[in-house]
Amino acid sequence: MKILIVYASTEGQTRKIAQFCADHLIEQSHSVEVLGAGDAKDVDLGRFDAALVAGSVHAGRYQKPLVKFAKRQAEKLNGMNAAFMSVSLAAAGDDAEDWDGLKECVARFASKTGWSPPKVFHVAGAFRFTEYDFFKSWAMRWIASQKGEDVDPHVDKEMTDWAALKTTVDNWLGT
């Protein structure tokens, strides 16, 4: 299969996840093209058998370039094997309110773009303290403490379950 992966990343974890998915799919002999959402605005989706669109949630929203891409390509995305991967720290936990919030974020994204992803994958992100400014670092430490998460503000902490991600991608494509 020829697969397109389009992503938007703020601190780099979603980019890392997108590349991980690409590498995994290439190992299975698929042809994969990975593009940042800002570079994918005019891509011809007709060249691909499937598309994986990935973005991270920040303050309840996805990155603007991702929203623009999905809005521009909504009709084609709605007509193909396409999935949406939502990356967030909330996906690492089991708090019902957090999960309701994630579902609302995806619903707002779908409403804003006109794309109704048939498959939505929630993937845990990372604490990227090396990428945060003072205020964001402080806010993220506070959020971690509220969730009982032990973090060192000088060290990044990945929450992504890489094995589960492989299984999710395999199940999506039926491989």
C-alpha atoms as a PDB file:
ATOM      1  CA  MET A   1       0.000   0.000   0.000  1.00  0.00           C
ATOM      2  CA  LYS A   2       0.994   3.598  -0.512  1.00  0.00           C
ATOM      3  CA  ILE A   3       0.340   5.479   2.730  1.00  0.00           C
ATOM      4  CA  LEU A   4       0.497   9.179   3.540  1.00  0.00           C
ATOM      5  CA  ILE A   5       1.231  10.326   7.071  1.00  0.00           C
ATOM      6  CA  VAL A   6       0.543  13.995   7.756  1.00  0.00           C
ATOM      7  CA  TYR A   7       1.357  15.402  11.172  1.00  0.00           C
ATOM      8  CA  ALA A   8       1.594  18.579  13.192  1.00  0.00           C
ATOM      9  CA  SER A   9       3.829  18.678  16.249  1.00  0.00           C
ATOM     10  CA  THR A  10       4.457  21.369  18.836  1.00  0.00           C
ATOM     11  CA  GLU A  11       7.326  19.958  20.896  1.00  0.00           C
ATOM     12  CA  GLY A  12       8.286  17.016  18.677  1.00  0.00           C
ATOM     13  CA  GLN A  13       6.535  13.961  20.140  1.00  0.00           C
ATOM     14  CA  THR A  14       3.890  13.775  17.416  1.00  0.00           C
ATOM     15  CA  ARG A  15       6.621  14.037  14.776  1.00  0.00           C
ATOM     16  CA  LYS A  16       8.450  11.175  16.532  1.00  0.00           C
ATOM     17  CA  ILE A  17       5.229   9.128  16.607  1.00  0.00           C
ATOM     18  CA  ALA A  18       4.568   9.808  12.906  1.00  0.00           C
ATOM     19  CA  GLN A  19       8.089   8.703  11.988  1.00  0.00           C
ATOM     20  CA  PHE A  20       7.767   5.597  14.179  1.00  0.00           C
ATOM     21  CA  CYS A  21       4.546   4.669  12.342  1.00  0.00           C
ATOM     22  CA  ALA A  22       6.253   5.266   8.987  1.00  0.00           C
ATOM     23  CA  ASP A  23       9.233   3.105   9.924  1.00  0.00           C
ATOM     24  CA  HIS A  24       6.920   0.329  11.131  1.00  0.00           C
ATOM     25  CA  LEU A  25       4.894   0.435   7.907  1.00  0.00           C
ATOM     26  CA  ILE A  26       8.018   0.478   5.730  1.00  0.00           C
ATOM     27  CA  GLU A  27       9.247  -2.635   7.571  1.00  0.00           C
ATOM     28  CA  GLN A  28       6.036  -4.270   6.299  1.00  0.00           C
ATOM     29  CA  SER A  29       6.926  -3.288   2.706  1.00  0.00           C
ATOM     30  CA  HIS A  30       4.463  -0.400   2.442  1.00  0.00           C
ATOM     31  CA  SER A  31       5.432   2.777   0.628  1.00  0.00           C
ATOM     32  CA  VAL A  32       5.123   5.706   3.051  1.00  0.00           C
ATOM     33  CA  GLU A  33       5.366   9.461   2.643  1.00  0.00           C
ATOM     34  CA  VAL A  34       5.590  11.608   5.784  1.00  0.00           C
ATOM     35  CA  LEU A  35       4.780  15.307   5.587  1.00  0.00           C
ATOM     36  CA  GLY A  36       4.357  18.095   8.084  1.00  0.00           C
ATOM     37  CA  ALA A  37       0.853  19.528   7.790  1.00  0.00           C
ATOM     38  CA  GLY A  38       2.191  22.859   6.550  1.00  0.00           C
ATOM     39  CA  ASP A  39       3.948  21.094   3.669  1.00  0.00           C
ATOM     40  CA  ALA A  40       0.976  18.872   2.782  1.00  0.00           C
ATOM     41  CA  LYS A  41      -1.594  21.514   1.872  1.00  0.00           C
ATOM     42  CA  ASP A  42      -1.585  20.692  -1.845  1.00  0.00           C
ATOM     43  CA  VAL A  43      -0.761  16.985  -1.734  1.00  0.00           C
ATOM     44  CA  ASP A  44      -2.774  14.813  -4.123  1.00  0.00           C
ATOM     45  CA  LEU A  45      -4.501  12.276  -1.872  1.00  0.00           C
ATOM     46  CA  GLY A  46      -5.519  10.306  -4.950  1.00  0.00           C
ATOM     47  CA  ARG A  47      -1.954   8.952  -5.081  1.00  0.00           C
ATOM     48  CA  PHE A  48      -2.433   7.121  -1.768  1.00  0.00           C
ATOM     49  CA  ASP A  49      -4.329   4.064  -0.603  1.00  0.00           C
ATOM     50  CA  ALA A  50      -4.563   5.312   2.973  1.00  0.00           C
ATOM     51  CA  ALA A  51      -3.815   8.383   5.067  1.00  0.00           C
ATOM     52  CA  LEU A  52      -2.920   8.786   8.715  1.00  0.00           C
ATOM     53  CA  VAL A  53      -3.366  12.317  10.058  1.00  0.00           C
ATOM     54  CA  ALA A  54      -1.753  13.052  13.424  1.00  0.00           C
ATOM     55  CA  GLY A  55      -1.835  16.058  15.702  1.00  0.00           C
ATOM     56  CA  SER A  56      -1.414  16.860  19.348  1.00  0.00           C
ATOM     57  CA  VAL A  57      -3.883  18.461  21.720  1.00  0.00           C
ATOM     58  CA  HIS A  58      -2.772  21.686  23.397  1.00  0.00           C
ATOM     59  CA  ALA A  59      -5.287  23.666  25.434  1.00  0.00           C
ATOM     60  CA  GLY A  60      -8.092  21.662  23.830  1.00  0.00           C
ATOM     61  CA  ARG A  61      -7.059  22.365  20.227  1.00  0.00           C
ATOM     62  CA  TYR A  62      -4.972  20.883  17.447  1.00  0.00           C
ATOM     63  CA  GLN A  63      -2.345  22.799  15.497  1.00  0.00           C
ATOM     64  CA  LYS A  64      -3.632  25.318  12.935  1.00  0.00           C
ATOM     65  CA  PRO A  65      -1.717  23.804   9.983  1.00  0.00           C
ATOM     66  CA  LEU A  66      -3.346  20.433  10.730  1.00  0.00           C
ATOM     67  CA  VAL A  67      -6.811  21.982  10.873  1.00  0.00           C
ATOM     68  CA  LYS A  68      -6.162  23.776   7.559  1.00  0.00           C
ATOM     69  CA  PHE A  69      -4.927  20.563   5.929  1.00  0.00           C
ATOM     70  CA  ALA A  70      -7.944  18.534   7.086  1.00  0.00           C
ATOM     71  CA  LYS A  71     -10.369  21.269   6.056  1.00  0.00           C
ATOM     72  CA  ARG A  72      -8.819  21.590   2.589  1.00  0.00           C
ATOM     73  CA  GLN A  73      -8.714  17.793   2.088  1.00  0.00           C
ATOM     74  CA  ALA A  74     -11.920  16.839   3.952  1.00  0.00           C
ATOM     75  CA  GLU A  75     -13.812  15.556   0.924  1.00  0.00           C
ATOM     76  CA  LYS A  76     -10.963  13.283  -0.170  1.00  0.00           C
ATOM     77  CA  LEU A  77     -10.206  12.149   3.389  1.00  0.00           C
ATOM     78  CA  ASN A  78     -13.882  11.258   3.865  1.00  0.00           C
ATOM     79  CA  GLY A  79     -13.709   9.055   0.768  1.00  0.00           C
ATOM     80  CA  MET A  80     -10.618   7.027   1.622  1.00  0.00           C
ATOM     81  CA  ASN A  81      -9.125   4.774   4.280  1.00  0.00           C
ATOM     82  CA  ALA A  82      -8.056   7.557   6.614  1.00  0.00           C
ATOM     83  CA  ALA A  83      -7.486   7.657  10.347  1.00  0.00           C
ATOM     84  CA  PHE A  84      -6.895  10.453  12.844  1.00  0.00           C
ATOM     85  CA  MET A  85      -4.287  10.086  15.562  1.00  0.00           C
ATOM     86  CA  SER A  86      -4.790  12.406  18.522  1.00  0.00           C
ATOM     87  CA  VAL A  87      -1.690  12.707  20.724  1.00  0.00           C
ATOM     88  CA  SER A  88      -2.085  13.943  24.294  1.00  0.00           C
ATOM     89  CA  LEU A  89      -0.922  13.414  27.824  1.00  0.00           C
ATOM     90  CA  ALA A  90      -4.523  12.720  28.836  1.00  0.00           C
ATOM     91  CA  ALA A  91      -4.434   9.560  26.701  1.00  0.00           C
ATOM     92  CA  ALA A  92      -1.880   8.125  29.139  1.00  0.00           C
ATOM     93  CA  GLY A  93      -4.426   8.022  31.941  1.00  0.00           C
ATOM     94  CA  ASP A  94      -7.807   6.571  32.684  1.00  0.00           C
ATOM     95  CA  ASP A  95      -9.602   9.637  34.035  1.00  0.00           C
ATOM     96  CA  ALA A  96     -13.141   9.608  32.591  1.00  0.00           C
ATOM     97  CA  GLU A  97     -13.315  13.418  32.449  1.00  0.00           C
ATOM     98  CA  ASP A  98     -10.035  13.571  30.520  1.00  0.00           C
ATOM     99  CA  TRP A  99     -11.312  11.001  28.021  1.00  0.00           C
ATOM    100  CA  ASP A 100     -14.585  12.906  27.605  1.00  0.00           C
ATOM    101  CA  GLY A 101     -12.500  16.018  26.949  1.00  0.00           C
ATOM    102  CA  LEU A 102     -10.453  14.205  24.301  1.00  0.00           C
ATOM    103  CA  LYS A 103     -13.633  13.066  22.556  1.00  0.00           C
ATOM    104  CA  GLU A 104     -14.867  16.681  22.582  1.00  0.00           C
ATOM    105  CA  CYS A 105     -11.557  17.857  21.066  1.00  0.00           C
ATOM    106  CA  VAL A 106     -11.926  15.376  18.207  1.00  0.00           C
ATOM    107  CA  ALA A 107     -15.596  16.337  17.717  1.00  0.00           C
ATOM    108  CA  ARG A 108     -14.644  20.045  17.493  1.00  0.00           C
ATOM    109  CA  PHE A 109     -11.874  19.166  15.029  1.00  0.00           C
ATOM    110  CA  ALA A 110     -14.319  17.196  12.861  1.00  0.00           C
ATOM    111  CA  SER A 111     -16.902  19.976  13.003  1.00  0.00           C
ATOM    112  CA  LYS A 112     -14.355  22.650  12.123  1.00  0.00           C
ATOM    113  CA  THR A 113     -12.771  20.712   9.251  1.00  0.00           C
ATOM    114  CA  GLY A 114     -15.689  18.796   7.750  1.00  0.00           C
ATOM    115  CA  TRP A 115     -13.687  15.571   8.001  1.00  0.00           C
ATOM    116  CA  SER A 116     -15.317  12.808  10.040  1.00  0.00           C
ATOM    117  CA  PRO A 117     -12.470  10.357  10.669  1.00  0.00           C
ATOM    118  CA  PRO A 118     -13.817   6.795  10.622  1.00  0.00           C
ATOM    119  CA  LYS A 119     -10.970   5.734  12.919  1.00  0.00           C
ATOM    120  CA  VAL A 120      -9.584   7.807  15.790  1.00  0.00           C
ATOM    121  CA  PHE A 121      -6.566   6.667  17.765  1.00  0.00           C
ATOM    122  CA  HIS A 122      -5.662   8.311  21.044  1.00  0.00           C
ATOM    123  CA  VAL A 123      -1.946   8.036  21.722  1.00  0.00           C
ATOM    124  CA  ALA A 124      -0.148   9.173  24.852  1.00  0.00           C
ATOM    125  CA  GLY A 125       2.384  11.942  24.280  1.00  0.00           C
ATOM    126  CA  ALA A 126       5.275  13.127  26.406  1.00  0.00           C
ATOM    127  CA  PHE A 127       6.370  15.697  28.912  1.00  0.00           C
ATOM    128  CA  ARG A 128       8.963  17.667  26.896  1.00  0.00           C
ATOM    129  CA  PHE A 129      10.563  19.789  29.597  1.00  0.00           C
ATOM    130  CA  THR A 130      13.598  20.464  27.398  1.00  0.00           C
ATOM    131  CA  GLU A 131      11.244  22.245  24.959  1.00  0.00           C
ATOM    132  CA  TYR A 132       9.190  24.267  27.490  1.00  0.00           C
ATOM    133  CA  ASP A 133       9.758  27.821  28.605  1.00  0.00           C
ATOM    134  CA  PHE A 134       9.646  28.606  32.329  1.00  0.00           C
ATOM    135  CA  PHE A 135       5.891  29.152  32.472  1.00  0.00           C
ATOM    136  CA  LYS A 136       4.945  26.091  30.461  1.00  0.00           C
ATOM    137  CA  SER A 137       7.350  23.983  32.512  1.00  0.00           C
ATOM    138  CA  TRP A 138       5.715  25.209  35.697  1.00  0.00           C
ATOM    139  CA  ALA A 139       2.219  24.527  34.306  1.00  0.00           C
ATOM    140  CA  MET A 140       3.175  21.030  33.134  1.00  0.00           C
ATOM    141  CA  ARG A 141       4.703  20.189  36.529  1.00  0.00           C
ATOM    142  CA  TRP A 142       1.461  21.313  38.166  1.00  0.00           C
ATOM    143  CA  ILE A 143      -0.612  19.190  35.770  1.00  0.00           C
ATOM    144  CA  ALA A 144       1.647  16.191  36.435  1.00  0.00           C
ATOM    145  CA  SER A 145       1.294  16.639  40.189  1.00  0.00           C
ATOM    146  CA  GLN A 146      -2.512  16.779  39.878  1.00  0.00           C
ATOM    147  CA  LYS A 147      -2.430  13.432  38.076  1.00  0.00           C
ATOM    148  CA  GLY A 148       0.006  11.857  40.545  1.00  0.00           C
ATOM    149  CA  GLU A 149       2.697  11.713  37.867  1.00  0.00           C
ATOM    150  CA  ASP A 150       6.305  11.898  39.077  1.00  0.00           C
ATOM    151  CA  VAL A 151       8.335  14.107  36.731  1.00  0.00           C
ATOM    152  CA  ASP A 152      11.766  15.702  36.801  1.00  0.00           C
ATOM    153  CA  PRO A 153      11.537  19.212  35.278  1.00  0.00           C
ATOM    154  CA  HIS A 154      14.987  18.745  33.741  1.00  0.00           C
ATOM    155  CA  VAL A 155      14.233  15.473  31.942  1.00  0.00           C
ATOM    156  CA  ASP A 156      11.711  14.626  29.219  1.00  0.00           C
ATOM    157  CA  LYS A 157       9.321  11.778  29.994  1.00  0.00           C
ATOM    158  CA  GLU A 158       7.662   9.763  27.230  1.00  0.00           C
ATOM    159  CA  MET A 159       4.268   8.289  27.935  1.00  0.00           C
ATOM    160  CA  THR A 160       3.838   6.745  24.455  1.00  0.00           C
ATOM    161  CA  ASP A 161       3.236   2.984  24.454  1.00  0.00           C
ATOM    162  CA  TRP A 162       5.201   2.020  21.346  1.00  0.00           C
ATOM    163  CA  ALA A 163       4.093  -1.631  21.270  1.00  0.00           C
ATOM    164  CA  ALA A 164       0.425  -0.640  21.527  1.00  0.00           C
ATOM    165  CA  LEU A 165       0.957   1.902  18.749  1.00  0.00           C
ATOM    166  CA  LYS A 166       2.273  -0.811  16.416  1.00  0.00           C
ATOM    167  CA  THR A 167      -0.785  -2.939  17.162  1.00  0.00           C
ATOM    168  CA  THR A 168      -3.113   0.012  16.570  1.00  0.00           C
ATOM    169  CA  VAL A 169      -1.569   0.776  13.170  1.00  0.00           C
ATOM    170  CA  ASP A 170      -1.584  -2.906  12.187  1.00  0.00           C
ATOM    171  CA  ASN A 171      -5.255  -3.244  13.161  1.00  0.00           C
ATOM    172  CA  TRP A 172      -6.156  -0.121  11.188  1.00  0.00           C
ATOM    173  CA  LEU A 173      -4.624  -1.495   7.993  1.00  0.00           C
ATOM    174  CA  GLY A 174      -5.575  -5.096   8.686  1.00  0.00           C
ATOM    175  CA  THR A 175      -1.950  -6.260   8.579  1.00  0.00           C
END
